[in-house]
Amino acid sequence: MSSDVELRAYVFLDSLQPQIAAYIGATAFGFLPVPGVASLFVEIAPGLPINQVMDVALKATRCQPAVQVVERAFGLLEVHERDKGEVTAAGASILDSLGLKEKERHRPRIVSNQIIRSIEAYQCQIINRMRKGSLILPGESLFILETVPAAYVTLAVNEAEKAARVKLNEMRPFGAFGRLYMSGSESEIDSAAAAAVAALEGLEGIDK
């Protein structure tokens, strides 16, 4: 495989939480995950070699693929399995094929971090028209986060869901920026936001 491929994101999720698993199931076209499985998201640049990367992961393990996004600039894949060892083996095979190490991934950068408290009904209606997850209701607080590279938003969502009783409204883990919308009570949203930010800030990688 080309040595010019960049490892933009490498995200191992030890246990997919119920809402992110459901969201992937509602929006992806592959073999859909269930809560509790281990999951791996890999984002590379340029995008086209993601086809070869997926081939490597599937031939090496019993993992199932849920997501493959091929854009000119970036490519994204997700594979999952109940056996965490299979998912880590898929990751090792991918890294070996790229001639890279996990520490050579890009470090996530938070480009926007907002909380809107007691959101108004009309804005709820606008947001609900474009979301694919849960509805946001008037009076709830709304947490919006954007990341670069995009795939790291999956870690933020998964850790926020572990930490708090919140609703996943929308998640976009591919493209130029990753984005999440989560809603809930003010205190729960504060806890979710803190967990998401801490998870991203705790990852090692190369600053780009």
C-alpha atoms as a PDB file:
ATOM      1  CA  MET A   1       0.000   0.000   0.000  1.00  0.00           C
ATOM      2  CA  SER A   2       1.173   3.553  -0.672  1.00  0.00           C
ATOM      3  CA  SER A   3       3.540   4.984   1.922  1.00  0.00           C
ATOM      4  CA  ASP A   4       1.868   8.361   1.384  1.00  0.00           C
ATOM      5  CA  VAL A   5      -1.264   7.355   3.319  1.00  0.00           C
ATOM      6  CA  GLU A   6      -1.828   9.394   6.484  1.00  0.00           C
ATOM      7  CA  LEU A   7      -3.437   7.858   9.565  1.00  0.00           C
ATOM      8  CA  ARG A   8      -5.842  10.665  10.413  1.00  0.00           C
ATOM      9  CA  ALA A   9      -7.727   8.807  13.149  1.00  0.00           C
ATOM     10  CA  TYR A  10      -7.487   5.469  14.928  1.00  0.00           C
ATOM     11  CA  VAL A  11     -10.281   5.003  17.465  1.00  0.00           C
ATOM     12  CA  PHE A  12     -10.783   1.787  19.455  1.00  0.00           C
ATOM     13  CA  LEU A  13     -14.056   1.671  21.401  1.00  0.00           C
ATOM     14  CA  ASP A  14     -14.045  -1.143  23.951  1.00  0.00           C
ATOM     15  CA  SER A  15     -17.836  -1.305  24.254  1.00  0.00           C
ATOM     16  CA  LEU A  16     -20.266   0.477  21.958  1.00  0.00           C
ATOM     17  CA  GLN A  17     -22.922   2.207  24.032  1.00  0.00           C
ATOM     18  CA  PRO A  18     -26.604   1.637  23.150  1.00  0.00           C
ATOM     19  CA  GLN A  19     -27.324   4.953  21.448  1.00  0.00           C
ATOM     20  CA  ILE A  20     -24.223   5.129  19.277  1.00  0.00           C
ATOM     21  CA  ALA A  21     -24.800   1.505  18.257  1.00  0.00           C
ATOM     22  CA  ALA A  22     -28.406   2.344  17.380  1.00  0.00           C
ATOM     23  CA  TYR A  23     -27.320   5.440  15.451  1.00  0.00           C
ATOM     24  CA  ILE A  24     -24.836   3.436  13.378  1.00  0.00           C
ATOM     25  CA  GLY A  25     -27.582   0.900  12.758  1.00  0.00           C
ATOM     26  CA  ALA A  26     -29.938   3.620  11.537  1.00  0.00           C
ATOM     27  CA  THR A  27     -27.459   5.321   9.212  1.00  0.00           C
ATOM     28  CA  ALA A  28     -24.924   2.740   7.978  1.00  0.00           C
ATOM     29  CA  PHE A  29     -25.255   0.205   5.166  1.00  0.00           C
ATOM     30  CA  GLY A  30     -23.057  -2.628   6.382  1.00  0.00           C
ATOM     31  CA  PHE A  31     -23.307  -5.308   9.061  1.00  0.00           C
ATOM     32  CA  LEU A  32     -24.882  -3.363  11.885  1.00  0.00           C
ATOM     33  CA  PRO A  33     -23.471  -3.495  15.437  1.00  0.00           C
ATOM     34  CA  VAL A  34     -25.313  -4.084  18.687  1.00  0.00           C
ATOM     35  CA  PRO A  35     -24.539  -2.565  22.098  1.00  0.00           C
ATOM     36  CA  GLY A  36     -21.533  -3.974  23.874  1.00  0.00           C
ATOM     37  CA  VAL A  37     -19.432  -4.962  20.878  1.00  0.00           C
ATOM     38  CA  ALA A  38     -15.911  -3.642  20.464  1.00  0.00           C
ATOM     39  CA  SER A  39     -15.501  -1.268  17.556  1.00  0.00           C
ATOM     40  CA  LEU A  40     -12.682   0.308  15.561  1.00  0.00           C
ATOM     41  CA  PHE A  41     -12.917   3.475  13.453  1.00  0.00           C
ATOM     42  CA  VAL A  42     -10.038   4.264  11.102  1.00  0.00           C
ATOM     43  CA  GLU A  43      -9.779   7.430   9.005  1.00  0.00           C
ATOM     44  CA  ILE A  44      -7.068   7.923   6.388  1.00  0.00           C
ATOM     45  CA  ALA A  45      -6.019  10.395   3.716  1.00  0.00           C
ATOM     46  CA  PRO A  46      -6.354  10.192   0.786  1.00  0.00           C
ATOM     47  CA  GLY A  47      -9.680   8.389   0.753  1.00  0.00           C
ATOM     48  CA  LEU A  48      -9.465   5.738  -1.961  1.00  0.00           C
ATOM     49  CA  PRO A  49      -7.039   3.337  -0.186  1.00  0.00           C
ATOM     50  CA  ILE A  50      -9.702   2.749   2.493  1.00  0.00           C
ATOM     51  CA  ASN A  51     -10.935  -0.031   0.182  1.00  0.00           C
ATOM     52  CA  GLN A  52      -7.624  -1.854   0.574  1.00  0.00           C
ATOM     53  CA  VAL A  53      -7.529  -1.141   4.295  1.00  0.00           C
ATOM     54  CA  MET A  54     -10.969  -2.692   4.773  1.00  0.00           C
ATOM     55  CA  ASP A  55      -9.886  -5.729   2.746  1.00  0.00           C
ATOM     56  CA  VAL A  56      -6.901  -6.247   5.033  1.00  0.00           C
ATOM     57  CA  ALA A  57      -9.026  -6.073   8.205  1.00  0.00           C
ATOM     58  CA  LEU A  58     -11.683  -8.493   6.965  1.00  0.00           C
ATOM     59  CA  LYS A  59      -9.244 -11.074   5.628  1.00  0.00           C
ATOM     60  CA  ALA A  60      -7.245 -11.071   8.856  1.00  0.00           C
ATOM     61  CA  THR A  61     -10.122 -11.402  11.377  1.00  0.00           C
ATOM     62  CA  ARG A  62     -13.756 -12.295  12.004  1.00  0.00           C
ATOM     63  CA  CYS A  63     -14.740  -8.623  12.279  1.00  0.00           C
ATOM     64  CA  GLN A  64     -17.851  -7.318  10.544  1.00  0.00           C
ATOM     65  CA  PRO A  65     -17.909  -3.943   8.741  1.00  0.00           C
ATOM     66  CA  ALA A  66     -20.640  -1.372   9.331  1.00  0.00           C
ATOM     67  CA  VAL A  67     -19.184   1.750   7.700  1.00  0.00           C
ATOM     68  CA  GLN A  68     -17.081   2.438   4.633  1.00  0.00           C
ATOM     69  CA  VAL A  69     -16.995   6.019   3.376  1.00  0.00           C
ATOM     70  CA  VAL A  70     -14.816   6.787   0.366  1.00  0.00           C
ATOM     71  CA  GLU A  71     -14.226  10.455  -0.406  1.00  0.00           C
ATOM     72  CA  ARG A  72     -11.419  11.919  -2.483  1.00  0.00           C
ATOM     73  CA  ALA A  73      -9.729  13.574   0.480  1.00  0.00           C
ATOM     74  CA  PHE A  74     -10.567  11.177   3.335  1.00  0.00           C
ATOM     75  CA  GLY A  75     -11.688   7.587   3.819  1.00  0.00           C
ATOM     76  CA  LEU A  76     -13.384   6.071   6.872  1.00  0.00           C
ATOM     77  CA  LEU A  77     -14.139   2.546   7.986  1.00  0.00           C
ATOM     78  CA  GLU A  78     -15.688   0.874  11.008  1.00  0.00           C
ATOM     79  CA  VAL A  79     -15.382  -2.804  11.974  1.00  0.00           C
ATOM     80  CA  HIS A  80     -16.715  -4.524  15.078  1.00  0.00           C
ATOM     81  CA  GLU A  81     -16.894  -7.867  16.860  1.00  0.00           C
ATOM     82  CA  ARG A  82     -17.943  -9.162  20.266  1.00  0.00           C
ATOM     83  CA  ASP A  83     -14.404 -10.452  20.802  1.00  0.00           C
ATOM     84  CA  LYS A  84     -12.231  -7.422  21.588  1.00  0.00           C
ATOM     85  CA  GLY A  85      -9.181  -9.434  20.543  1.00  0.00           C
ATOM     86  CA  GLU A  86     -10.519  -9.711  17.010  1.00  0.00           C
ATOM     87  CA  VAL A  87     -10.961  -5.950  16.803  1.00  0.00           C
ATOM     88  CA  THR A  88      -7.484  -5.203  18.126  1.00  0.00           C
ATOM     89  CA  ALA A  89      -6.100  -7.785  15.663  1.00  0.00           C
ATOM     90  CA  ALA A  90      -7.916  -5.995  12.832  1.00  0.00           C
ATOM     91  CA  GLY A  91      -6.326  -2.755  13.952  1.00  0.00           C
ATOM     92  CA  ALA A  92      -2.878  -4.336  14.099  1.00  0.00           C
ATOM     93  CA  SER A  93      -3.309  -5.718  10.581  1.00  0.00           C
ATOM     94  CA  ILE A  94      -4.377  -2.310   9.290  1.00  0.00           C
ATOM     95  CA  LEU A  95      -1.426  -0.546  10.901  1.00  0.00           C
ATOM     96  CA  ASP A  96       0.985  -3.164   9.567  1.00  0.00           C
ATOM     97  CA  SER A  97      -0.376  -2.798   6.028  1.00  0.00           C
ATOM     98  CA  LEU A  98       0.082   0.980   6.243  1.00  0.00           C
ATOM     99  CA  GLY A  99       3.545   0.691   7.767  1.00  0.00           C
ATOM    100  CA  LEU A 100       2.404   2.905  10.629  1.00  0.00           C
ATOM    101  CA  LYS A 101       2.029   2.766  14.413  1.00  0.00           C
ATOM    102  CA  GLU A 102      -0.988   3.839  16.451  1.00  0.00           C
ATOM    103  CA  LYS A 103       1.034   6.711  17.927  1.00  0.00           C
ATOM    104  CA  GLU A 104       1.430   8.123  14.399  1.00  0.00           C
ATOM    105  CA  ARG A 105      -2.274   8.956  14.153  1.00  0.00           C
ATOM    106  CA  HIS A 106      -3.263  12.604  14.168  1.00  0.00           C
ATOM    107  CA  ARG A 107      -4.046  13.931  17.621  1.00  0.00           C
ATOM    108  CA  PRO A 108      -7.697  15.029  17.876  1.00  0.00           C
ATOM    109  CA  ARG A 109      -8.369  18.741  17.979  1.00  0.00           C
ATOM    110  CA  ILE A 110     -11.585  20.290  19.281  1.00  0.00           C
ATOM    111  CA  VAL A 111     -12.580  23.120  16.965  1.00  0.00           C
ATOM    112  CA  SER A 112     -15.932  23.948  18.544  1.00  0.00           C
ATOM    113  CA  ASN A 113     -17.430  23.172  21.961  1.00  0.00           C
ATOM    114  CA  GLN A 114     -20.810  24.726  22.754  1.00  0.00           C
ATOM    115  CA  ILE A 115     -23.642  24.223  25.225  1.00  0.00           C
ATOM    116  CA  ILE A 116     -26.987  25.912  24.649  1.00  0.00           C
ATOM    117  CA  ARG A 117     -29.038  25.885  27.829  1.00  0.00           C
ATOM    118  CA  SER A 118     -32.834  25.644  27.907  1.00  0.00           C
ATOM    119  CA  ILE A 119     -33.153  25.601  24.161  1.00  0.00           C
ATOM    120  CA  GLU A 120     -36.145  27.314  22.571  1.00  0.00           C
ATOM    121  CA  ALA A 121     -38.938  25.390  20.874  1.00  0.00           C
ATOM    122  CA  TYR A 122     -38.442  26.907  17.420  1.00  0.00           C
ATOM    123  CA  GLN A 123     -34.752  26.030  17.372  1.00  0.00           C
ATOM    124  CA  CYS A 124     -35.645  22.486  18.476  1.00  0.00           C
ATOM    125  CA  GLN A 125     -37.866  22.168  15.424  1.00  0.00           C
ATOM    126  CA  ILE A 126     -35.071  23.275  13.086  1.00  0.00           C
ATOM    127  CA  ILE A 127     -32.544  20.858  14.606  1.00  0.00           C
ATOM    128  CA  ASN A 128     -35.029  17.977  14.675  1.00  0.00           C
ATOM    129  CA  ARG A 129     -35.604  18.294  10.929  1.00  0.00           C
ATOM    130  CA  MET A 130     -31.981  17.368  10.171  1.00  0.00           C
ATOM    131  CA  ARG A 131     -31.185  14.887  12.939  1.00  0.00           C
ATOM    132  CA  LYS A 132     -31.201  11.088  12.550  1.00  0.00           C
ATOM    133  CA  GLY A 133     -31.089  10.303  16.272  1.00  0.00           C
ATOM    134  CA  SER A 134     -33.306  11.264  19.193  1.00  0.00           C
ATOM    135  CA  LEU A 135     -35.512  14.343  19.279  1.00  0.00           C
ATOM    136  CA  ILE A 136     -34.417  17.377  21.244  1.00  0.00           C
ATOM    137  CA  LEU A 137     -37.219  18.926  23.285  1.00  0.00           C
ATOM    138  CA  PRO A 138     -37.810  22.534  24.396  1.00  0.00           C
ATOM    139  CA  GLY A 139     -36.110  23.383  27.681  1.00  0.00           C
ATOM    140  CA  GLU A 140     -33.364  20.783  27.328  1.00  0.00           C
ATOM    141  CA  SER A 141     -29.694  21.693  27.087  1.00  0.00           C
ATOM    142  CA  LEU A 142     -27.851  21.001  23.826  1.00  0.00           C
ATOM    143  CA  PHE A 143     -24.169  20.015  23.565  1.00  0.00           C
ATOM    144  CA  ILE A 144     -22.479  20.584  20.190  1.00  0.00           C
ATOM    145  CA  LEU A 145     -18.903  19.464  19.537  1.00  0.00           C
ATOM    146  CA  GLU A 146     -16.759  19.549  16.397  1.00  0.00           C
ATOM    147  CA  THR A 147     -13.501  17.657  15.968  1.00  0.00           C
ATOM    148  CA  VAL A 148     -10.645  17.338  13.501  1.00  0.00           C
ATOM    149  CA  PRO A 149     -10.119  14.691  12.236  1.00  0.00           C
ATOM    150  CA  ALA A 150     -13.789  13.794  11.952  1.00  0.00           C
ATOM    151  CA  ALA A 151     -13.717  10.169  13.178  1.00  0.00           C
ATOM    152  CA  TYR A 152     -12.716  11.185  16.697  1.00  0.00           C
ATOM    153  CA  VAL A 153     -16.256  12.382  17.318  1.00  0.00           C
ATOM    154  CA  THR A 154     -17.196   8.696  17.787  1.00  0.00           C
ATOM    155  CA  LEU A 155     -14.992   8.507  20.891  1.00  0.00           C
ATOM    156  CA  ALA A 156     -16.575  11.678  22.233  1.00  0.00           C
ATOM    157  CA  VAL A 157     -20.085  10.280  21.746  1.00  0.00           C
ATOM    158  CA  ASN A 158     -19.286   6.897  23.281  1.00  0.00           C
ATOM    159  CA  GLU A 159     -17.613   8.354  26.375  1.00  0.00           C
ATOM    160  CA  ALA A 160     -20.322  10.984  26.849  1.00  0.00           C
ATOM    161  CA  GLU A 161     -22.952   8.253  26.763  1.00  0.00           C
ATOM    162  CA  LYS A 162     -21.028   6.239  29.358  1.00  0.00           C
ATOM    163  CA  ALA A 163     -20.837   9.238  31.679  1.00  0.00           C
ATOM    164  CA  ALA A 164     -24.341  10.705  31.568  1.00  0.00           C
ATOM    165  CA  ARG A 165     -28.028  10.164  30.817  1.00  0.00           C
ATOM    166  CA  VAL A 166     -28.204  12.112  27.569  1.00  0.00           C
ATOM    167  CA  LYS A 167     -29.700  11.664  24.109  1.00  0.00           C
ATOM    168  CA  LEU A 168     -27.712  11.388  20.900  1.00  0.00           C
ATOM    169  CA  ASN A 169     -29.404  13.623  18.338  1.00  0.00           C
ATOM    170  CA  GLU A 170     -26.880  13.642  15.516  1.00  0.00           C
ATOM    171  CA  MET A 171     -23.356  12.422  14.733  1.00  0.00           C
ATOM    172  CA  ARG A 172     -21.218  12.965  11.643  1.00  0.00           C
ATOM    173  CA  PRO A 173     -17.908  11.054  11.832  1.00  0.00           C
ATOM    174  CA  PHE A 174     -16.599  11.718   8.312  1.00  0.00           C
ATOM    175  CA  GLY A 175     -15.618  14.647   6.110  1.00  0.00           C
ATOM    176  CA  ALA A 176     -13.589  17.731   6.972  1.00  0.00           C
ATOM    177  CA  PHE A 177     -15.004  17.987  10.527  1.00  0.00           C
ATOM    178  CA  GLY A 178     -16.715  15.563  12.891  1.00  0.00           C
ATOM    179  CA  ARG A 179     -19.797  16.835  14.676  1.00  0.00           C
ATOM    180  CA  LEU A 180     -22.112  15.680  17.445  1.00  0.00           C
ATOM    181  CA  TYR A 181     -25.338  16.978  18.944  1.00  0.00           C
ATOM    182  CA  MET A 182     -26.454  15.600  22.332  1.00  0.00           C
ATOM    183  CA  SER A 183     -29.316  16.808  24.513  1.00  0.00           C
ATOM    184  CA  GLY A 184     -30.573  16.335  28.041  1.00  0.00           C
ATOM    185  CA  SER A 185     -30.881  18.034  31.388  1.00  0.00           C
ATOM    186  CA  GLU A 186     -28.385  20.764  32.204  1.00  0.00           C
ATOM    187  CA  SER A 187     -26.429  18.745  34.756  1.00  0.00           C
ATOM    188  CA  GLU A 188     -26.283  15.617  32.587  1.00  0.00           C
ATOM    189  CA  ILE A 189     -25.156  17.591  29.547  1.00  0.00           C
ATOM    190  CA  ASP A 190     -22.391  19.208  31.609  1.00  0.00           C
ATOM    191  CA  SER A 191     -21.210  15.735  32.658  1.00  0.00           C
ATOM    192  CA  ALA A 192     -21.404  14.414  29.098  1.00  0.00           C
ATOM    193  CA  ALA A 193     -19.446  17.358  27.715  1.00  0.00           C
ATOM    194  CA  ALA A 194     -16.726  16.998  30.342  1.00  0.00           C
ATOM    195  CA  ALA A 195     -16.343  13.279  29.592  1.00  0.00           C
ATOM    196  CA  ALA A 196     -16.211  13.850  25.834  1.00  0.00           C
ATOM    197  CA  VAL A 197     -13.565  16.564  26.082  1.00  0.00           C
ATOM    198  CA  ALA A 198     -11.460  14.580  28.566  1.00  0.00           C
ATOM    199  CA  ALA A 199     -11.486  11.518  26.309  1.00  0.00           C
ATOM    200  CA  LEU A 200     -10.281  13.523  23.311  1.00  0.00           C
ATOM    201  CA  GLU A 201      -7.648  15.418  25.263  1.00  0.00           C
ATOM    202  CA  GLY A 202      -6.309  12.152  26.663  1.00  0.00           C
ATOM    203  CA  LEU A 203      -5.420  10.647  23.289  1.00  0.00           C
ATOM    204  CA  GLU A 204      -1.839  10.623  22.075  1.00  0.00           C
ATOM    205  CA  GLY A 205      -0.877  11.340  18.504  1.00  0.00           C
ATOM    206  CA  ILE A 206       0.867  13.739  16.173  1.00  0.00           C
ATOM    207  CA  ASP A 207      -0.195  17.373  16.146  1.00  0.00           C
ATOM    208  CA  LYS A 208      -1.222  18.468  12.663  1.00  0.00           C
END
